[in-house]
N, C-alpha and C. Protein backbone atom coordinates (compact mmCIF):
# COMPACT_ATOMS: atom_id res chain seq x y z
N MET A 1 -51.58 24.89 -40.66
CA MET A 1 -51.08 25.54 -39.36
C MET A 1 -50.43 26.86 -39.88
N PRO A 2 -50.89 28.08 -39.28
CA PRO A 2 -50.27 29.27 -39.62
C PRO A 2 -48.72 29.38 -39.15
N PRO A 3 -47.96 30.16 -39.91
CA PRO A 3 -46.49 30.34 -39.49
C PRO A 3 -46.48 30.91 -38.16
N ARG A 4 -45.46 30.46 -37.45
CA ARG A 4 -45.16 31.12 -36.08
C ARG A 4 -44.55 32.43 -36.33
N PRO A 5 -44.76 33.43 -35.50
CA PRO A 5 -44.19 34.77 -35.69
C PRO A 5 -42.69 34.75 -35.33
N LEU A 6 -42.03 35.59 -35.90
CA LEU A 6 -40.57 35.71 -35.53
C LEU A 6 -40.50 36.20 -34.15
N THR A 7 -39.53 35.82 -33.40
CA THR A 7 -39.21 36.25 -32.09
C THR A 7 -37.80 37.01 -32.12
N PHE A 8 -37.73 37.98 -31.27
CA PHE A 8 -36.47 38.88 -31.24
C PHE A 8 -36.06 38.95 -29.81
N ASP A 9 -34.71 38.94 -29.76
CA ASP A 9 -34.04 39.41 -28.49
C ASP A 9 -33.07 40.44 -28.78
N ILE A 10 -32.93 41.51 -28.03
CA ILE A 10 -31.95 42.55 -28.29
C ILE A 10 -30.89 42.57 -27.20
N ILE A 11 -29.76 42.57 -27.69
CA ILE A 11 -28.51 42.59 -26.75
C ILE A 11 -27.72 43.83 -27.13
N ARG A 12 -27.34 44.67 -26.17
CA ARG A 12 -26.56 45.81 -26.43
C ARG A 12 -25.13 45.48 -25.84
N ASP A 13 -24.15 45.70 -26.69
CA ASP A 13 -22.80 45.44 -26.33
C ASP A 13 -21.92 46.74 -26.68
N GLY A 14 -21.79 47.61 -25.76
CA GLY A 14 -21.02 48.82 -26.08
C GLY A 14 -21.82 49.59 -27.17
N ASP A 15 -21.09 49.96 -28.32
CA ASP A 15 -21.63 50.75 -29.29
C ASP A 15 -22.36 49.85 -30.33
N ALA A 16 -22.46 48.55 -30.12
CA ALA A 16 -23.14 47.64 -30.99
C ALA A 16 -24.47 47.12 -30.39
N ALA A 17 -25.36 46.80 -31.41
CA ALA A 17 -26.58 46.16 -31.02
C ALA A 17 -26.79 44.89 -31.77
N VAL A 18 -27.13 43.79 -31.01
CA VAL A 18 -27.41 42.53 -31.61
C VAL A 18 -28.91 42.18 -31.56
N LEU A 19 -29.41 41.90 -32.74
CA LEU A 19 -30.82 41.47 -32.83
C LEU A 19 -30.82 39.96 -33.15
N GLU A 20 -31.21 39.14 -32.11
CA GLU A 20 -31.29 37.76 -32.30
C GLU A 20 -32.64 37.46 -32.82
N VAL A 21 -32.69 36.81 -33.96
CA VAL A 21 -33.92 36.43 -34.70
C VAL A 21 -34.14 34.93 -34.64
N ALA A 22 -35.40 34.58 -34.33
CA ALA A 22 -35.81 33.14 -34.38
C ALA A 22 -37.09 33.00 -35.13
N GLY A 23 -37.08 32.10 -36.00
CA GLY A 23 -38.20 31.70 -36.88
C GLY A 23 -37.94 31.91 -38.32
N GLU A 24 -39.00 31.59 -39.14
CA GLU A 24 -38.80 31.73 -40.61
C GLU A 24 -39.13 33.13 -41.11
N ILE A 25 -38.32 33.60 -42.03
CA ILE A 25 -38.58 35.00 -42.56
C ILE A 25 -39.16 34.79 -43.90
N ASP A 26 -40.37 35.25 -44.11
CA ASP A 26 -41.14 35.17 -45.28
C ASP A 26 -42.02 36.44 -45.52
N MET A 27 -42.96 36.32 -46.41
CA MET A 27 -43.74 37.51 -46.69
C MET A 27 -44.56 37.90 -45.47
N ALA A 28 -44.99 36.95 -44.62
CA ALA A 28 -45.81 37.27 -43.47
C ALA A 28 -44.89 37.83 -42.32
N THR A 29 -43.67 37.39 -42.16
CA THR A 29 -42.94 37.76 -40.98
C THR A 29 -41.82 38.94 -41.30
N ALA A 30 -41.52 39.02 -42.62
CA ALA A 30 -40.38 39.99 -42.81
C ALA A 30 -40.69 41.44 -42.35
N PRO A 31 -41.93 41.93 -42.44
CA PRO A 31 -42.20 43.31 -41.88
C PRO A 31 -41.80 43.43 -40.40
N ALA A 32 -41.98 42.40 -39.63
CA ALA A 32 -41.53 42.50 -38.23
C ALA A 32 -40.05 42.62 -38.06
N LEU A 33 -39.36 41.89 -38.90
CA LEU A 33 -37.87 41.98 -38.86
C LEU A 33 -37.45 43.36 -39.25
N GLU A 34 -38.03 43.91 -40.22
CA GLU A 34 -37.71 45.23 -40.69
C GLU A 34 -38.02 46.22 -39.62
N GLU A 35 -39.09 46.19 -38.97
CA GLU A 35 -39.55 47.11 -37.97
C GLU A 35 -38.64 47.03 -36.78
N ALA A 36 -38.22 45.88 -36.33
CA ALA A 36 -37.31 45.65 -35.14
C ALA A 36 -35.99 46.16 -35.58
N ALA A 37 -35.42 45.96 -36.63
CA ALA A 37 -34.08 46.40 -37.05
C ALA A 37 -34.04 47.85 -37.29
N LEU A 38 -35.14 48.48 -37.95
CA LEU A 38 -35.12 49.94 -38.15
C LEU A 38 -35.17 50.63 -36.71
N ALA A 39 -35.90 50.17 -35.79
CA ALA A 39 -36.02 50.70 -34.47
C ALA A 39 -34.56 50.70 -33.82
N LEU A 40 -33.79 49.74 -34.07
CA LEU A 40 -32.46 49.75 -33.49
C LEU A 40 -31.50 50.66 -34.28
N LEU A 41 -31.74 50.80 -35.61
CA LEU A 41 -30.91 51.71 -36.30
C LEU A 41 -31.28 53.21 -35.92
N GLU A 42 -32.46 53.46 -35.47
CA GLU A 42 -32.73 54.79 -35.02
C GLU A 42 -31.96 55.16 -33.82
N GLU A 43 -31.46 54.20 -33.02
CA GLU A 43 -30.62 54.51 -31.96
C GLU A 43 -29.11 54.87 -32.37
N ARG A 44 -28.91 54.64 -33.63
CA ARG A 44 -27.55 54.95 -34.20
C ARG A 44 -26.41 54.22 -33.65
N PRO A 45 -26.54 52.89 -33.53
CA PRO A 45 -25.34 52.09 -33.18
C PRO A 45 -24.28 52.09 -34.15
N HIS A 46 -23.07 51.86 -33.68
CA HIS A 46 -21.86 51.82 -34.58
C HIS A 46 -21.96 50.59 -35.45
N ARG A 47 -22.62 49.46 -34.79
CA ARG A 47 -22.61 48.24 -35.56
C ARG A 47 -23.99 47.62 -35.20
N LEU A 48 -24.55 47.01 -36.20
CA LEU A 48 -25.83 46.20 -35.85
C LEU A 48 -25.56 44.77 -36.40
N VAL A 49 -25.76 43.84 -35.54
CA VAL A 49 -25.60 42.46 -35.84
C VAL A 49 -26.98 41.76 -35.92
N LEU A 50 -27.28 41.07 -37.02
CA LEU A 50 -28.47 40.28 -37.11
C LEU A 50 -28.10 38.94 -36.95
N ASP A 51 -28.43 38.28 -35.77
CA ASP A 51 -28.03 36.99 -35.41
C ASP A 51 -29.06 35.94 -35.96
N PHE A 52 -28.72 35.32 -36.96
CA PHE A 52 -29.69 34.46 -37.71
C PHE A 52 -29.46 32.98 -37.30
N ALA A 53 -28.83 32.71 -36.18
CA ALA A 53 -28.68 31.25 -35.77
C ALA A 53 -29.99 30.51 -35.62
N GLY A 54 -31.05 31.30 -35.36
CA GLY A 54 -32.39 30.63 -35.27
C GLY A 54 -33.30 30.79 -36.40
N VAL A 55 -32.68 31.11 -37.56
CA VAL A 55 -33.47 31.32 -38.70
C VAL A 55 -33.28 30.22 -39.75
N PRO A 56 -34.22 29.20 -39.96
CA PRO A 56 -33.93 28.15 -40.82
C PRO A 56 -34.39 28.56 -42.32
N PHE A 57 -35.06 29.58 -42.45
CA PHE A 57 -35.60 29.86 -43.89
C PHE A 57 -35.72 31.31 -44.06
N CYS A 58 -35.36 31.85 -45.22
CA CYS A 58 -35.55 33.23 -45.57
C CYS A 58 -35.95 33.32 -47.11
N ASP A 59 -37.11 33.88 -47.39
CA ASP A 59 -37.40 34.04 -48.84
C ASP A 59 -37.14 35.35 -49.37
N SER A 60 -37.61 35.66 -50.52
CA SER A 60 -37.20 36.87 -51.21
C SER A 60 -37.73 38.04 -50.38
N SER A 61 -38.81 38.02 -49.67
CA SER A 61 -39.28 39.14 -48.82
C SER A 61 -38.24 39.43 -47.81
N GLY A 62 -37.62 38.49 -47.24
CA GLY A 62 -36.45 38.69 -46.29
C GLY A 62 -35.27 39.22 -46.92
N ILE A 63 -35.01 38.86 -48.06
CA ILE A 63 -33.85 39.43 -48.79
C ILE A 63 -33.98 40.86 -49.07
N GLY A 64 -35.28 41.24 -49.53
CA GLY A 64 -35.58 42.69 -49.63
C GLY A 64 -35.34 43.41 -48.47
N VAL A 65 -35.80 42.89 -47.30
CA VAL A 65 -35.67 43.67 -46.00
C VAL A 65 -34.17 43.73 -45.78
N LEU A 66 -33.44 42.76 -46.00
CA LEU A 66 -31.94 42.89 -45.68
C LEU A 66 -31.22 43.97 -46.61
N VAL A 67 -31.73 44.09 -47.88
CA VAL A 67 -31.09 45.19 -48.79
C VAL A 67 -31.55 46.49 -48.23
N ARG A 68 -32.89 46.71 -47.86
CA ARG A 68 -33.30 47.93 -47.38
C ARG A 68 -32.57 48.34 -46.08
N LEU A 69 -32.34 47.40 -45.17
CA LEU A 69 -31.66 47.64 -43.91
C LEU A 69 -30.20 47.99 -44.29
N TYR A 70 -29.66 47.38 -45.14
CA TYR A 70 -28.12 47.73 -45.55
C TYR A 70 -28.12 49.08 -46.01
N ASN A 71 -29.02 49.52 -46.99
CA ASN A 71 -29.10 50.86 -47.46
C ASN A 71 -29.37 51.87 -46.29
N LYS A 72 -30.26 51.60 -45.47
CA LYS A 72 -30.42 52.57 -44.25
C LYS A 72 -29.23 52.54 -43.35
N ALA A 73 -28.67 51.47 -43.04
CA ALA A 73 -27.45 51.47 -42.19
C ALA A 73 -26.22 52.22 -42.79
N SER A 74 -26.13 52.13 -44.14
CA SER A 74 -25.11 52.92 -44.85
C SER A 74 -25.25 54.34 -44.71
N THR A 75 -26.51 54.85 -44.65
CA THR A 75 -26.71 56.28 -44.56
C THR A 75 -26.39 56.80 -43.26
N THR A 76 -26.36 55.98 -42.23
CA THR A 76 -26.06 56.42 -40.91
C THR A 76 -24.69 56.02 -40.45
N GLY A 77 -23.88 55.36 -41.34
CA GLY A 77 -22.63 54.99 -40.86
C GLY A 77 -22.51 53.77 -40.01
N CYS A 78 -23.58 53.02 -40.03
CA CYS A 78 -23.69 51.78 -39.18
C CYS A 78 -23.19 50.64 -40.05
N ARG A 79 -22.33 49.75 -39.42
CA ARG A 79 -21.88 48.50 -40.11
C ARG A 79 -22.90 47.41 -39.84
N LEU A 80 -23.43 46.84 -40.74
CA LEU A 80 -24.52 45.74 -40.59
C LEU A 80 -23.90 44.45 -40.90
N SER A 81 -24.09 43.44 -40.06
CA SER A 81 -23.42 42.12 -40.31
C SER A 81 -24.57 41.12 -39.88
N ILE A 82 -24.28 39.92 -40.49
CA ILE A 82 -25.19 38.68 -40.25
C ILE A 82 -24.36 37.58 -39.54
N ARG A 83 -24.85 37.23 -38.43
CA ARG A 83 -24.15 36.24 -37.57
C ARG A 83 -24.76 34.93 -37.73
N GLN A 84 -23.90 33.88 -37.89
CA GLN A 84 -24.37 32.46 -37.96
C GLN A 84 -25.59 32.15 -38.68
N PRO A 85 -25.65 32.48 -39.97
CA PRO A 85 -26.82 32.10 -40.78
C PRO A 85 -26.77 30.50 -40.92
N MET A 86 -27.91 29.83 -40.81
CA MET A 86 -28.04 28.43 -41.09
C MET A 86 -27.64 28.17 -42.48
N PRO A 87 -27.28 26.87 -42.80
CA PRO A 87 -26.91 26.51 -44.16
C PRO A 87 -27.82 26.94 -45.24
N ASN A 88 -29.11 26.76 -45.11
CA ASN A 88 -30.08 27.21 -46.17
C ASN A 88 -30.05 28.71 -46.38
N VAL A 89 -30.03 29.39 -45.27
CA VAL A 89 -29.95 30.87 -45.39
C VAL A 89 -28.61 31.36 -45.98
N ARG A 90 -27.56 30.81 -45.58
CA ARG A 90 -26.28 31.09 -46.04
C ARG A 90 -26.16 30.93 -47.56
N ALA A 91 -26.83 29.81 -48.14
CA ALA A 91 -26.81 29.53 -49.53
C ALA A 91 -27.58 30.63 -50.27
N ILE A 92 -28.72 31.11 -49.67
CA ILE A 92 -29.46 32.24 -50.33
C ILE A 92 -28.72 33.46 -50.28
N LEU A 93 -27.98 33.74 -49.29
CA LEU A 93 -27.15 35.00 -49.20
C LEU A 93 -26.01 34.79 -50.28
N ASP A 94 -25.49 33.59 -50.48
CA ASP A 94 -24.46 33.45 -51.53
C ASP A 94 -25.11 33.65 -52.82
N MET A 95 -26.19 33.02 -53.11
CA MET A 95 -26.82 33.10 -54.49
C MET A 95 -27.19 34.52 -54.85
N THR A 96 -27.52 35.31 -53.73
CA THR A 96 -28.07 36.71 -54.18
C THR A 96 -26.93 37.72 -54.05
N ALA A 97 -25.67 37.19 -53.81
CA ALA A 97 -24.45 37.94 -53.72
C ALA A 97 -24.48 38.91 -52.63
N LEU A 98 -25.35 38.74 -51.54
CA LEU A 98 -25.43 39.53 -50.42
C LEU A 98 -24.09 39.32 -49.52
N THR A 99 -23.46 38.23 -49.71
CA THR A 99 -22.22 37.97 -48.94
C THR A 99 -21.21 38.97 -49.34
N ARG A 100 -21.37 39.74 -50.52
CA ARG A 100 -20.41 40.64 -50.93
C ARG A 100 -20.53 42.11 -50.25
N ILE A 101 -21.77 42.17 -49.71
CA ILE A 101 -21.99 43.46 -49.10
C ILE A 101 -22.15 43.52 -47.55
N PHE A 102 -22.63 42.28 -47.09
CA PHE A 102 -22.66 42.08 -45.69
C PHE A 102 -21.43 41.30 -45.10
N HIS A 103 -21.12 41.72 -43.99
CA HIS A 103 -20.09 40.98 -43.26
C HIS A 103 -20.84 39.79 -42.58
N ILE A 104 -20.30 38.55 -42.91
CA ILE A 104 -21.04 37.34 -42.38
C ILE A 104 -20.01 36.73 -41.37
N ASP A 105 -20.61 36.55 -40.17
CA ASP A 105 -19.84 35.86 -39.14
C ASP A 105 -20.45 34.46 -38.93
N ASP A 106 -19.74 33.48 -39.55
CA ASP A 106 -20.15 32.11 -39.47
C ASP A 106 -19.73 31.72 -38.09
C-alpha cells in the first residue's frame, strides 16, 4: 500500500502562522512539507509553528527539511517552533539535538 500524502491546514494567528501537519514524514512526503512551510515563510510571519500532533513518524528526510526550514527562518527573523510532537518524533528530535535549536511546545 503506498504511503498516504501529508495533509496540511494553515491557521493564521496575528503575526504567526501555524502549519498543522498530518501523516508520516519520509523521503516521499518531506518535499511537500518543505514546499508548504517555505510558502508560509515567504509571507514573513514573525513566528511559524509546525504543529506535529498528527505526525507519527519522521525520518532523516524530514529532519533535513526541518534544518533547512530553520536556516531559512533564521535569515528572515522568523521564530520557528514545533508543537506537540508525538513521542516517536520527539525522541528523534532529542537524538538529533534539534531540541536545542527549535522551541518545542509539548
